[in-house]
PDB file of all heavy atoms in Angstrom:
ATOM      1  N   LEU A   1       1.504  -8.332  19.237  1.00  0.00           N
ATOM      2  CA  LEU A   1       2.364  -9.321  18.600  1.00  0.00           C
ATOM      3  C   LEU A   1       2.401  -9.066  17.096  1.00  0.00           C
ATOM      4  O   LEU A   1       1.433  -8.586  16.507  1.00  0.00           O
ATOM      5  CB  LEU A   1       1.866 -10.737  18.884  1.00  0.00           C
ATOM      6  CG  LEU A   1       1.803 -11.152  20.347  1.00  0.00           C
ATOM      7  CD1 LEU A   1       1.392 -12.618  20.469  1.00  0.00           C
ATOM      8  CD2 LEU A   1       3.122 -10.906  21.056  1.00  0.00           C
ATOM      9  N   PHE A   2       3.526  -9.394  16.513  1.00  0.00           N
ATOM     10  CA  PHE A   2       3.770  -9.135  15.100  1.00  0.00           C
ATOM     11  C   PHE A   2       3.931 -10.449  14.347  1.00  0.00           C
ATOM     12  O   PHE A   2       4.319 -11.463  14.924  1.00  0.00           O
ATOM     13  CB  PHE A   2       5.036  -8.288  14.937  1.00  0.00           C
ATOM     14  CG  PHE A   2       4.920  -6.930  15.549  1.00  0.00           C
ATOM     15  CD1 PHE A   2       5.122  -6.751  16.909  1.00  0.00           C
ATOM     16  CD2 PHE A   2       4.590  -5.827  14.780  1.00  0.00           C
ATOM     17  CE1 PHE A   2       4.998  -5.492  17.493  1.00  0.00           C
ATOM     18  CE2 PHE A   2       4.463  -4.573  15.352  1.00  0.00           C
ATOM     19  CZ  PHE A   2       4.672  -4.401  16.710  1.00  0.00           C
ATOM     20  N   VAL A   3       3.647 -10.411  13.046  1.00  0.00           N
ATOM     21  CA  VAL A   3       3.816 -11.574  12.184  1.00  0.00           C
ATOM     22  C   VAL A   3       4.739 -11.174  11.025  1.00  0.00           C
ATOM     23  O   VAL A   3       4.676 -10.049  10.521  1.00  0.00           O
ATOM     24  CB  VAL A   3       2.449 -12.090  11.664  1.00  0.00           C
ATOM     25  CG1 VAL A   3       1.731 -11.049  10.814  1.00  0.00           C
ATOM     26  CG2 VAL A   3       2.603 -13.397  10.914  1.00  0.00           C
ATOM     27  N   ASN A   4       5.606 -12.095  10.643  1.00  0.00           N
ATOM     28  CA  ASN A   4       6.467 -11.884   9.483  1.00  0.00           C
ATOM     29  C   ASN A   4       5.606 -12.059   8.235  1.00  0.00           C
ATOM     30  O   ASN A   4       4.974 -13.103   8.065  1.00  0.00           O
ATOM     31  CB  ASN A   4       7.608 -12.905   9.508  1.00  0.00           C
ATOM     32  CG  ASN A   4       8.602 -12.693   8.387  1.00  0.00           C
ATOM     33  OD1 ASN A   4       8.281 -12.173   7.328  1.00  0.00           O
ATOM     34  ND2 ASN A   4       9.827 -13.102   8.631  1.00  0.00           N
ATOM     35  N   ARG A   5       5.561 -11.054   7.379  1.00  0.00           N
ATOM     36  CA  ARG A   5       4.699 -11.113   6.197  1.00  0.00           C
ATOM     37  C   ARG A   5       4.992 -12.335   5.337  1.00  0.00           C
ATOM     38  O   ARG A   5       4.107 -12.879   4.702  1.00  0.00           O
ATOM     39  CB  ARG A   5       4.746  -9.821   5.383  1.00  0.00           C
ATOM     40  CG  ARG A   5       5.991  -9.617   4.606  1.00  0.00           C
ATOM     41  CD  ARG A   5       5.973  -8.454   3.592  1.00  0.00           C
ATOM     42  NE  ARG A   5       5.573  -7.198   4.135  1.00  0.00           N
ATOM     43  CZ  ARG A   5       4.552  -6.473   3.653  1.00  0.00           C
ATOM     44  NH1 ARG A   5       3.862  -6.876   2.629  1.00  0.00           N
ATOM     45  NH2 ARG A   5       4.237  -5.332   4.203  1.00  0.00           N
ATOM     46  N   ASP A   6       6.246 -12.809   5.332  1.00  0.00           N
ATOM     47  CA  ASP A   6       6.603 -13.979   4.526  1.00  0.00           C
ATOM     48  C   ASP A   6       5.955 -15.254   5.052  1.00  0.00           C
ATOM     49  O   ASP A   6       5.792 -16.223   4.312  1.00  0.00           O
ATOM     50  CB  ASP A   6       8.120 -14.166   4.485  1.00  0.00           C
ATOM     51  CG  ASP A   6       8.828 -13.024   3.765  1.00  0.00           C
ATOM     52  OD1 ASP A   6       8.168 -12.308   2.969  1.00  0.00           O
ATOM     53  OD2 ASP A   6      10.032 -12.835   4.004  1.00  0.00           O
ATOM     54  N   ASP A   7       5.594 -15.288   6.330  1.00  0.00           N
ATOM     55  CA  ASP A   7       4.993 -16.480   6.930  1.00  0.00           C
ATOM     56  C   ASP A   7       3.501 -16.612   6.634  1.00  0.00           C
ATOM     57  O   ASP A   7       2.909 -17.645   6.928  1.00  0.00           O
ATOM     58  CB  ASP A   7       5.193 -16.468   8.456  1.00  0.00           C
ATOM     59  CG  ASP A   7       6.645 -16.622   8.849  1.00  0.00           C
ATOM     60  OD1 ASP A   7       7.460 -17.050   8.000  1.00  0.00           O
ATOM     61  OD2 ASP A   7       6.975 -16.309  10.009  1.00  0.00           O
ATOM     62  N   LEU A   8       2.897 -15.590   6.072  1.00  0.00           N
ATOM     63  CA  LEU A   8       1.448 -15.603   5.864  1.00  0.00           C
ATOM     64  C   LEU A   8       1.020 -16.403   4.636  1.00  0.00           C
ATOM     65  O   LEU A   8      -0.144 -16.774   4.519  1.00  0.00           O
ATOM     66  CB  LEU A   8       0.913 -14.175   5.773  1.00  0.00           C
ATOM     67  CG  LEU A   8       0.986 -13.394   7.085  1.00  0.00           C
ATOM     68  CD1 LEU A   8       0.624 -11.934   6.867  1.00  0.00           C
ATOM     69  CD2 LEU A   8       0.077 -14.023   8.129  1.00  0.00           C
ATOM     70  N   GLY A   9       1.939 -16.658   3.717  1.00  0.00           N
ATOM     71  CA  GLY A   9       1.608 -17.459   2.542  1.00  0.00           C
ATOM     72  C   GLY A   9       0.559 -16.846   1.647  1.00  0.00           C
ATOM     73  O   GLY A   9      -0.268 -17.554   1.082  1.00  0.00           O
ATOM     74  N   LEU A  10       0.573 -15.533   1.512  1.00  0.00           N
ATOM     75  CA  LEU A  10      -0.418 -14.851   0.683  1.00  0.00           C
ATOM     76  C   LEU A  10       0.096 -14.694  -0.750  1.00  0.00           C
ATOM     77  O   LEU A  10       1.299 -14.715  -0.993  1.00  0.00           O
ATOM     78  CB  LEU A  10      -0.736 -13.482   1.283  1.00  0.00           C
ATOM     79  CG  LEU A  10      -1.381 -13.550   2.669  1.00  0.00           C
ATOM     80  CD1 LEU A  10      -1.494 -12.162   3.269  1.00  0.00           C
ATOM     81  CD2 LEU A  10      -2.742 -14.207   2.604  1.00  0.00           C
ATOM     82  N   PRO A  11      -0.805 -14.529  -1.694  1.00  0.00           N
ATOM     83  CA  PRO A  11      -0.402 -14.404  -3.099  1.00  0.00           C
ATOM     84  C   PRO A  11       0.505 -13.198  -3.336  1.00  0.00           C
ATOM     85  O   PRO A  11       0.403 -12.176  -2.647  1.00  0.00           O
ATOM     86  CB  PRO A  11      -1.729 -14.224  -3.843  1.00  0.00           C
ATOM     87  CG  PRO A  11      -2.793 -14.637  -2.896  1.00  0.00           C
ATOM     88  CD  PRO A  11      -2.253 -14.462  -1.526  1.00  0.00           C
ATOM     89  N   GLU A  12       1.382 -13.326  -4.311  1.00  0.00           N
ATOM     90  CA  GLU A  12       2.259 -12.229  -4.729  1.00  0.00           C
ATOM     91  C   GLU A  12       1.398 -11.030  -5.097  1.00  0.00           C
ATOM     92  O   GLU A  12       0.335 -11.168  -5.692  1.00  0.00           O
ATOM     93  CB  GLU A  12       3.081 -12.669  -5.950  1.00  0.00           C
ATOM     94  CG  GLU A  12       4.122 -11.662  -6.375  1.00  0.00           C
ATOM     95  CD  GLU A  12       5.248 -11.500  -5.380  1.00  0.00           C
ATOM     96  OE1 GLU A  12       5.580 -12.479  -4.685  1.00  0.00           O
ATOM     97  OE2 GLU A  12       5.798 -10.392  -5.297  1.00  0.00           O
ATOM     98  N   GLY A  13       1.836  -9.849  -4.706  1.00  0.00           N
ATOM     99  CA  GLY A  13       1.093  -8.633  -5.014  1.00  0.00           C
ATOM    100  C   GLY A  13       0.084  -8.234  -3.956  1.00  0.00           C
ATOM    101  O   GLY A  13      -0.564  -7.206  -4.088  1.00  0.00           O
ATOM    102  N   THR A  14      -0.065  -9.041  -2.894  1.00  0.00           N
ATOM    103  CA  THR A  14      -0.966  -8.686  -1.808  1.00  0.00           C
ATOM    104  C   THR A  14      -0.472  -7.398  -1.150  1.00  0.00           C
ATOM    105  O   THR A  14       0.712  -7.257  -0.867  1.00  0.00           O
ATOM    106  CB  THR A  14      -1.037  -9.812  -0.750  1.00  0.00           C
ATOM    107  OG1 THR A  14      -1.545 -10.985  -1.382  1.00  0.00           O
ATOM    108  CG2 THR A  14      -1.922  -9.424   0.414  1.00  0.00           C
ATOM    109  N   VAL A  15      -1.370  -6.467  -0.951  1.00  0.00           N
ATOM    110  CA  VAL A  15      -1.021  -5.190  -0.331  1.00  0.00           C
ATOM    111  C   VAL A  15      -1.740  -5.105   1.010  1.00  0.00           C
ATOM    112  O   VAL A  15      -2.954  -5.293   1.085  1.00  0.00           O
ATOM    113  CB  VAL A  15      -1.420  -3.998  -1.233  1.00  0.00           C
ATOM    114  CG1 VAL A  15      -1.103  -2.679  -0.558  1.00  0.00           C
ATOM    115  CG2 VAL A  15      -0.714  -4.090  -2.577  1.00  0.00           C
ATOM    116  N   PHE A  16      -0.986  -4.823   2.052  1.00  0.00           N
ATOM    117  CA  PHE A  16      -1.547  -4.671   3.386  1.00  0.00           C
ATOM    118  C   PHE A  16      -1.870  -3.203   3.631  1.00  0.00           C
ATOM    119  O   PHE A  16      -1.235  -2.308   3.059  1.00  0.00           O
ATOM    120  CB  PHE A  16      -0.547  -5.141   4.445  1.00  0.00           C
ATOM    121  CG  PHE A  16      -0.285  -6.620   4.389  1.00  0.00           C
ATOM    122  CD1 PHE A  16       0.754  -7.128   3.630  1.00  0.00           C
ATOM    123  CD2 PHE A  16      -1.078  -7.502   5.094  1.00  0.00           C
ATOM    124  CE1 PHE A  16       0.998  -8.479   3.579  1.00  0.00           C
ATOM    125  CE2 PHE A  16      -0.852  -8.856   5.050  1.00  0.00           C
ATOM    126  CZ  PHE A  16       0.195  -9.349   4.287  1.00  0.00           C
ATOM    127  N   GLN A  17      -2.832  -2.937   4.505  1.00  0.00           N
ATOM    128  CA  GLN A  17      -3.143  -1.554   4.836  1.00  0.00           C
ATOM    129  C   GLN A  17      -1.905  -0.825   5.351  1.00  0.00           C
ATOM    130  O   GLN A  17      -1.694   0.341   5.024  1.00  0.00           O
ATOM    131  CB  GLN A  17      -4.266  -1.490   5.867  1.00  0.00           C
ATOM    132  CG  GLN A  17      -5.609  -1.837   5.292  1.00  0.00           C
ATOM    133  CD  GLN A  17      -6.740  -1.650   6.285  1.00  0.00           C
ATOM    134  OE1 GLN A  17      -6.535  -1.470   7.480  1.00  0.00           O
ATOM    135  NE2 GLN A  17      -7.957  -1.692   5.786  1.00  0.00           N
ATOM    136  N   ALA A  18      -1.082  -1.507   6.115  1.00  0.00           N
ATOM    137  CA  ALA A  18       0.139  -0.882   6.642  1.00  0.00           C
ATOM    138  C   ALA A  18       1.054  -0.408   5.517  1.00  0.00           C
ATOM    139  O   ALA A  18       1.800   0.557   5.683  1.00  0.00           O
ATOM    140  CB  ALA A  18       0.880  -1.859   7.553  1.00  0.00           C
ATOM    141  N   ASP A  19       0.993  -1.082   4.358  1.00  0.00           N
ATOM    142  CA  ASP A  19       1.820  -0.689   3.212  1.00  0.00           C
ATOM    143  C   ASP A  19       1.327   0.601   2.569  1.00  0.00           C
ATOM    144  O   ASP A  19       2.084   1.287   1.878  1.00  0.00           O
ATOM    145  CB  ASP A  19       1.824  -1.787   2.144  1.00  0.00           C
ATOM    146  CG  ASP A  19       2.394  -3.100   2.631  1.00  0.00           C
ATOM    147  OD1 ASP A  19       3.184  -3.087   3.593  1.00  0.00           O
ATOM    148  OD2 ASP A  19       2.037  -4.144   2.055  1.00  0.00           O
ATOM    149  N   LEU A  20       0.054   0.922   2.759  1.00  0.00           N
ATOM    150  CA  LEU A  20      -0.535   2.090   2.107  1.00  0.00           C
ATOM    151  C   LEU A  20      -0.315   3.391   2.882  1.00  0.00           C
ATOM    152  O   LEU A  20      -0.330   4.475   2.291  1.00  0.00           O
ATOM    153  CB  LEU A  20      -2.039   1.872   1.909  1.00  0.00           C
ATOM    154  CG  LEU A  20      -2.442   0.692   1.023  1.00  0.00           C
ATOM    155  CD1 LEU A  20      -3.958   0.528   1.019  1.00  0.00           C
ATOM    156  CD2 LEU A  20      -1.917   0.872  -0.388  1.00  0.00           C
ATOM    157  N   ILE A  21      -0.125   3.286   4.187  1.00  0.00           N
ATOM    158  CA  ILE A  21       0.048   4.492   5.006  1.00  0.00           C
ATOM    159  C   ILE A  21       1.292   5.244   4.537  1.00  0.00           C
ATOM    160  O   ILE A  21       2.373   4.682   4.432  1.00  0.00           O
ATOM    161  CB  ILE A  21       0.160   4.143   6.506  1.00  0.00           C
ATOM    162  CG1 ILE A  21      -1.059   3.352   6.985  1.00  0.00           C
ATOM    163  CG2 ILE A  21       0.379   5.397   7.351  1.00  0.00           C
ATOM    164  CD1 ILE A  21      -2.374   4.063   6.904  1.00  0.00           C
ATOM    165  N   GLY A  22       1.098   6.526   4.244  1.00  0.00           N
ATOM    166  CA  GLY A  22       2.196   7.368   3.778  1.00  0.00           C
ATOM    167  C   GLY A  22       2.320   7.461   2.268  1.00  0.00           C
ATOM    168  O   GLY A  22       3.062   8.302   1.755  1.00  0.00           O
ATOM    169  N   LEU A  23       1.605   6.622   1.528  1.00  0.00           N
ATOM    170  CA  LEU A  23       1.713   6.644   0.066  1.00  0.00           C
ATOM    171  C   LEU A  23       0.984   7.849  -0.526  1.00  0.00           C
ATOM    172  O   LEU A  23      -0.040   8.283  -0.015  1.00  0.00           O
ATOM    173  CB  LEU A  23       1.115   5.372  -0.539  1.00  0.00           C
ATOM    174  CG  LEU A  23       1.900   4.090  -0.371  1.00  0.00           C
ATOM    175  CD1 LEU A  23       1.167   2.936  -1.064  1.00  0.00           C
ATOM    176  CD2 LEU A  23       3.312   4.218  -0.928  1.00  0.00           C
ATOM    177  N   PRO A  24       1.514   8.360  -1.637  1.00  0.00           N
ATOM    178  CA  PRO A  24       0.828   9.454  -2.325  1.00  0.00           C
ATOM    179  C   PRO A  24      -0.411   8.957  -3.066  1.00  0.00           C
ATOM    180  O   PRO A  24      -0.457   7.819  -3.542  1.00  0.00           O
ATOM    181  CB  PRO A  24       1.884   9.959  -3.321  1.00  0.00           C
ATOM    182  CG  PRO A  24       2.775   8.787  -3.564  1.00  0.00           C
ATOM    183  CD  PRO A  24       2.787   8.003  -2.282  1.00  0.00           C
ATOM    184  N   VAL A  25      -1.405   9.833  -3.146  1.00  0.00           N
ATOM    185  CA  VAL A  25      -2.618   9.566  -3.918  1.00  0.00           C
ATOM    186  C   VAL A  25      -2.638  10.582  -5.047  1.00  0.00           C
ATOM    187  O   VAL A  25      -2.617  11.798  -4.807  1.00  0.00           O
ATOM    188  CB  VAL A  25      -3.886   9.706  -3.043  1.00  0.00           C
ATOM    189  CG1 VAL A  25      -5.143   9.503  -3.880  1.00  0.00           C
ATOM    190  CG2 VAL A  25      -3.837   8.739  -1.883  1.00  0.00           C
ATOM    191  N   THR A  26      -2.631  10.076  -6.295  1.00  0.00           N
ATOM    192  CA  THR A  26      -2.571  10.970  -7.458  1.00  0.00           C
ATOM    193  C   THR A  26      -3.728  10.698  -8.404  1.00  0.00           C
ATOM    194  O   THR A  26      -4.307   9.608  -8.409  1.00  0.00           O
ATOM    195  CB  THR A  26      -1.246  10.767  -8.233  1.00  0.00           C
ATOM    196  OG1 THR A  26      -1.141   9.391  -8.617  1.00  0.00           O
ATOM    197  CG2 THR A  26      -0.049  11.156  -7.392  1.00  0.00           C
ATOM    198  N   ASP A  27      -4.038  11.693  -9.219  1.00  0.00           N
ATOM    199  CA  ASP A  27      -5.059  11.549 -10.239  1.00  0.00           C
ATOM    200  C   ASP A  27      -4.501  10.665 -11.353  1.00  0.00           C
ATOM    201  O   ASP A  27      -3.408  10.921 -11.864  1.00  0.00           O
ATOM    202  CB  ASP A  27      -5.453  12.920 -10.787  1.00  0.00           C
ATOM    203  CG  ASP A  27      -6.639  12.828 -11.712  1.00  0.00           C
ATOM    204  OD1 ASP A  27      -6.445  12.424 -12.884  1.00  0.00           O
ATOM    205  OD2 ASP A  27      -7.762  13.148 -11.275  1.00  0.00           O
ATOM    206  N   ALA A  28      -5.223   9.630 -11.723  1.00  0.00           N
ATOM    207  CA  ALA A  28      -4.757   8.674 -12.725  1.00  0.00           C
ATOM    208  C   ALA A  28      -4.594   9.301 -14.101  1.00  0.00           C
ATOM    209  O   ALA A  28      -3.777   8.846 -14.895  1.00  0.00           O
ATOM    210  CB  ALA A  28      -5.721   7.490 -12.807  1.00  0.00           C
ATOM    211  N   ASP A  29      -5.348  10.355 -14.396  1.00  0.00           N
ATOM    212  CA  ASP A  29      -5.295  10.963 -15.718  1.00  0.00           C
ATOM    213  C   ASP A  29      -4.335  12.141 -15.796  1.00  0.00           C
ATOM    214  O   ASP A  29      -3.549  12.244 -16.737  1.00  0.00           O
ATOM    215  CB  ASP A  29      -6.699  11.399 -16.142  1.00  0.00           C
ATOM    216  CG  ASP A  29      -7.660  10.212 -16.187  1.00  0.00           C
ATOM    217  OD1 ASP A  29      -7.263   9.140 -16.696  1.00  0.00           O
ATOM    218  OD2 ASP A  29      -8.792  10.344 -15.682  1.00  0.00           O
ATOM    219  N   SER A  30      -4.366  13.020 -14.805  1.00  0.00           N
ATOM    220  CA  SER A  30      -3.549  14.247 -14.868  1.00  0.00           C
ATOM    221  C   SER A  30      -2.246  14.147 -14.076  1.00  0.00           C
ATOM    222  O   SER A  30      -1.355  14.958 -14.251  1.00  0.00           O
ATOM    223  CB  SER A  30      -4.358  15.441 -14.343  1.00  0.00           C
ATOM    224  OG  SER A  30      -4.560  15.306 -12.939  1.00  0.00           O
ATOM    225  N   GLY A  31      -2.157  13.177 -13.158  1.00  0.00           N
ATOM    226  CA  GLY A  31      -0.968  13.060 -12.314  1.00  0.00           C
ATOM    227  C   GLY A  31      -0.968  14.016 -11.131  1.00  0.00           C
ATOM    228  O   GLY A  31      -0.009  14.076 -10.367  1.00  0.00           O
ATOM    229  N   THR A  32      -2.052  14.778 -10.946  1.00  0.00           N
ATOM    230  CA  THR A  32      -2.167  15.717  -9.832  1.00  0.00           C
ATOM    231  C   THR A  32      -2.050  14.982  -8.498  1.00  0.00           C
ATOM    232  O   THR A  32      -2.721  13.968  -8.292  1.00  0.00           O
ATOM    233  CB  THR A  32      -3.520  16.455  -9.878  1.00  0.00           C
ATOM    234  OG1 THR A  32      -3.627  17.150 -11.117  1.00  0.00           O
ATOM    235  CG2 THR A  32      -3.675  17.428  -8.719  1.00  0.00           C
ATOM    236  N   LEU A  33      -1.208  15.493  -7.618  1.00  0.00           N
ATOM    237  CA  LEU A  33      -1.057  14.905  -6.288  1.00  0.00           C
ATOM    238  C   LEU A  33      -2.165  15.439  -5.392  1.00  0.00           C
ATOM    239  O   LEU A  33      -2.285  16.648  -5.180  1.00  0.00           O
ATOM    240  CB  LEU A  33       0.310  15.255  -5.693  1.00  0.00           C
ATOM    241  CG  LEU A  33       0.548  14.810  -4.250  1.00  0.00           C
ATOM    242  CD1 LEU A  33       0.556  13.284  -4.153  1.00  0.00           C
ATOM    243  CD2 LEU A  33       1.849  15.392  -3.722  1.00  0.00           C
ATOM    244  N   TYR A  34      -2.986  14.530  -4.834  1.00  0.00           N
ATOM    245  CA  TYR A  34      -4.060  14.927  -3.939  1.00  0.00           C
ATOM    246  C   TYR A  34      -3.630  14.945  -2.478  1.00  0.00           C
ATOM    247  O   TYR A  34      -4.242  15.600  -1.657  1.00  0.00           O
ATOM    248  CB  TYR A  34      -5.267  13.997  -4.095  1.00  0.00           C
ATOM    249  CG  TYR A  34      -5.959  14.132  -5.431  1.00  0.00           C
ATOM    250  CD1 TYR A  34      -6.140  13.025  -6.242  1.00  0.00           C
ATOM    251  CD2 TYR A  34      -6.444  15.358  -5.870  1.00  0.00           C
ATOM    252  CE1 TYR A  34      -6.797  13.131  -7.463  1.00  0.00           C
ATOM    253  CE2 TYR A  34      -7.089  15.481  -7.093  1.00  0.00           C
ATOM    254  CZ  TYR A  34      -7.261  14.363  -7.886  1.00  0.00           C
ATOM    255  OH  TYR A  34      -7.899  14.481  -9.093  1.00  0.00           O
ATOM    256  N   GLY A  35      -2.596  14.211  -2.148  1.00  0.00           N
ATOM    257  CA  GLY A  35      -2.109  14.140  -0.772  1.00  0.00           C
ATOM    258  C   GLY A  35      -1.546  12.763  -0.489  1.00  0.00           C
ATOM    259  O   GLY A  35      -1.250  11.994  -1.404  1.00  0.00           O
ATOM    260  N   HIS A  36      -1.416  12.458   0.805  1.00  0.00           N
ATOM    261  CA  HIS A  36      -0.855  11.180   1.242  1.00  0.00           C
ATOM    262  C   HIS A  36      -1.820  10.490   2.208  1.00  0.00           C
ATOM    263  O   HIS A  36      -2.447  11.152   3.032  1.00  0.00           O
ATOM    264  CB  HIS A  36       0.498  11.390   1.916  1.00  0.00           C
ATOM    265  CG  HIS A  36       1.551  11.846   0.967  1.00  0.00           C
ATOM    266  ND1 HIS A  36       1.669  13.150   0.560  1.00  0.00           N
ATOM    267  CD2 HIS A  36       2.518  11.150   0.319  1.00  0.00           C
ATOM    268  CE1 HIS A  36       2.671  13.255  -0.301  1.00  0.00           C
ATOM    269  NE2 HIS A  36       3.206  12.050  -0.455  1.00  0.00           N
ATOM    270  N   ILE A  37      -1.895   9.167   2.115  1.00  0.00           N
ATOM    271  CA  ILE A  37      -2.766   8.393   2.994  1.00  0.00           C
ATOM    272  C   ILE A  37      -2.173   8.407   4.397  1.00  0.00           C
ATOM    273  O   ILE A  37      -1.015   8.055   4.591  1.00  0.00           O
ATOM    274  CB  ILE A  37      -2.921   6.942   2.501  1.00  0.00           C
ATOM    275  CG1 ILE A  37      -3.558   6.931   1.115  1.00  0.00           C
ATOM    276  CG2 ILE A  37      -3.750   6.116   3.497  1.00  0.00           C
ATOM    277  CD1 ILE A  37      -3.594   5.566   0.458  1.00  0.00           C
TER     278      ILE A  37
END
């Protein structure tokens, strides 16, 4: 079963693990791309 994220009433800026899958991971100082989650 699925839930609509808007129905959860969580604070603005909340990041779910599902939101992170596929995102790039980069070095904060050099900008080097390490890969994707």
